[in-house]
Amino acid sequence: MTDRNPPRAASTGRNAKWSTIHSIRPIGGEIRRHEAEGRLAWVIAVREREALQARIVYAFRHHLEAGGPGPAEADLLLFAQAAIAEQRMARALGEARSTFTARRR
């Protein structure tokens, strides 16, 4: 027979202060709205960059296999701008997280 209440790790449950992976956000706590909005903006930037990257790769593949035109210069420029914006957002999120962590200590 199986146990109806399997044993849980000591750091789980409502009374746990931090998760087992030592994340910054306490279990059951709320992510600050500003941080959540920043993460969402970063995720959107990553998806846009990946979509542009796939479009450029498809254009290069089509150019090599069928001899058609390569990717448009505007697509390459937009991809570069999206990649830079994504890196800046990631850096800003990391700095904000480290500042928040330093203030809590």
Protein backbone atom coordinates (compact mmCIF):
# COMPACT_ATOMS: atom_id res chain seq x y z
CA MET A 1 0.00 0.00 0.00
CA THR A 2 1.13 3.53 -0.64
CA ASP A 3 1.29 6.18 2.02
CA ARG A 4 -1.47 8.77 1.67
CA ASN A 5 0.75 11.54 2.99
CA PRO A 6 4.23 11.07 1.55
CA PRO A 7 7.03 12.77 3.50
CA ARG A 8 7.88 16.27 2.35
CA ALA A 9 11.19 18.03 2.42
CA ALA A 10 11.79 20.22 5.46
CA SER A 11 11.77 23.40 3.40
CA THR A 12 8.36 22.93 1.81
CA GLY A 13 4.98 23.98 3.03
CA ARG A 14 3.39 27.18 4.20
CA ASN A 15 5.88 27.86 7.00
CA ALA A 16 8.95 27.62 4.79
CA LYS A 17 10.77 30.89 4.42
CA TRP A 18 12.76 30.14 1.27
CA SER A 19 12.47 27.58 -1.47
CA THR A 20 14.94 24.72 -1.73
CA ILE A 21 16.74 26.39 -4.62
CA HIS A 22 17.25 29.53 -2.53
CA SER A 23 15.40 31.84 -4.84
CA ILE A 24 15.03 35.48 -3.98
CA ARG A 25 11.25 35.22 -3.81
CA PRO A 26 9.90 33.54 -0.68
CA ILE A 27 7.51 30.64 -1.14
CA GLY A 28 3.97 31.94 -1.15
CA GLY A 29 5.20 35.53 -1.47
CA GLU A 30 4.36 37.86 -4.26
CA ILE A 31 6.76 39.00 -6.91
CA ARG A 32 7.01 42.75 -6.91
CA ARG A 33 4.93 44.25 -9.70
CA HIS A 34 7.86 46.14 -11.17
CA GLU A 35 9.98 43.00 -11.32
CA ALA A 36 7.14 40.99 -12.86
CA GLU A 37 6.60 43.62 -15.55
CA GLY A 38 10.34 43.64 -16.28
CA ARG A 39 10.43 39.87 -16.61
CA LEU A 40 7.42 39.91 -18.92
CA ALA A 41 9.02 42.58 -21.12
CA TRP A 42 12.23 40.54 -21.26
CA VAL A 43 10.35 37.35 -22.21
CA ILE A 44 8.56 39.24 -25.00
CA ALA A 45 11.90 40.63 -26.23
CA VAL A 46 13.41 37.12 -26.27
CA ARG A 47 10.48 35.76 -28.27
CA GLU A 48 10.65 38.61 -30.77
CA ARG A 49 14.38 38.10 -31.23
CA GLU A 50 13.92 34.36 -31.71
CA ALA A 51 11.19 34.95 -34.30
CA LEU A 52 13.43 37.36 -36.22
CA GLN A 53 16.31 34.92 -35.98
CA ALA A 54 14.18 32.10 -37.40
CA ARG A 55 13.06 34.39 -40.24
CA ILE A 56 16.67 35.26 -41.09
CA VAL A 57 17.79 31.62 -40.94
CA TYR A 58 14.90 30.64 -43.23
CA ALA A 59 15.86 33.37 -45.71
CA PHE A 60 19.51 32.27 -45.72
CA ARG A 61 18.49 28.64 -46.18
CA HIS A 62 16.18 29.57 -49.04
CA HIS A 63 18.98 31.63 -50.59
CA LEU A 64 21.45 28.74 -50.41
CA GLU A 65 19.08 26.00 -51.56
CA ALA A 66 16.95 27.77 -54.16
CA GLY A 67 19.08 30.76 -55.05
CA GLY A 68 16.49 33.27 -53.94
CA PRO A 69 17.22 36.56 -52.21
CA GLY A 70 18.85 36.47 -48.81
CA PRO A 71 17.46 38.16 -45.72
CA ALA A 72 16.51 41.78 -46.08
CA GLU A 73 18.83 44.39 -44.62
CA ALA A 74 15.93 45.70 -42.53
CA ASP A 75 15.47 42.24 -40.95
CA LEU A 76 19.16 42.08 -40.03
CA LEU A 77 19.07 45.57 -38.53
CA LEU A 78 15.89 44.82 -36.60
CA PHE A 79 17.43 41.58 -35.31
CA ALA A 80 20.53 43.42 -34.08
CA GLN A 81 18.38 46.03 -32.31
CA ALA A 82 16.21 43.34 -30.71
CA ALA A 83 19.29 41.41 -29.49
CA ILE A 84 20.77 44.55 -27.94
CA ALA A 85 17.47 45.44 -26.26
CA GLU A 86 17.19 41.88 -24.89
CA GLN A 87 20.70 42.03 -23.42
CA ARG A 88 20.02 45.42 -21.82
CA MET A 89 16.80 44.13 -20.26
CA ALA A 90 18.54 41.03 -18.92
CA ARG A 91 21.33 43.16 -17.45
CA ALA A 92 18.85 45.58 -15.86
CA LEU A 93 16.88 42.70 -14.32
CA GLY A 94 20.08 41.18 -12.94
CA GLU A 95 21.20 44.49 -11.46
CA ALA A 96 17.78 45.11 -9.94
CA ARG A 97 17.76 41.63 -8.42
CA SER A 98 21.25 42.02 -6.96
CA THR A 99 20.37 45.45 -5.54
CA PHE A 100 17.21 44.04 -3.99
CA THR A 101 19.14 41.10 -2.52
CA ALA A 102 21.83 43.39 -1.12
CA ARG A 103 19.23 45.58 0.57
CA ARG A 104 17.59 42.57 2.23
CA ARG A 105 20.82 41.41 3.88
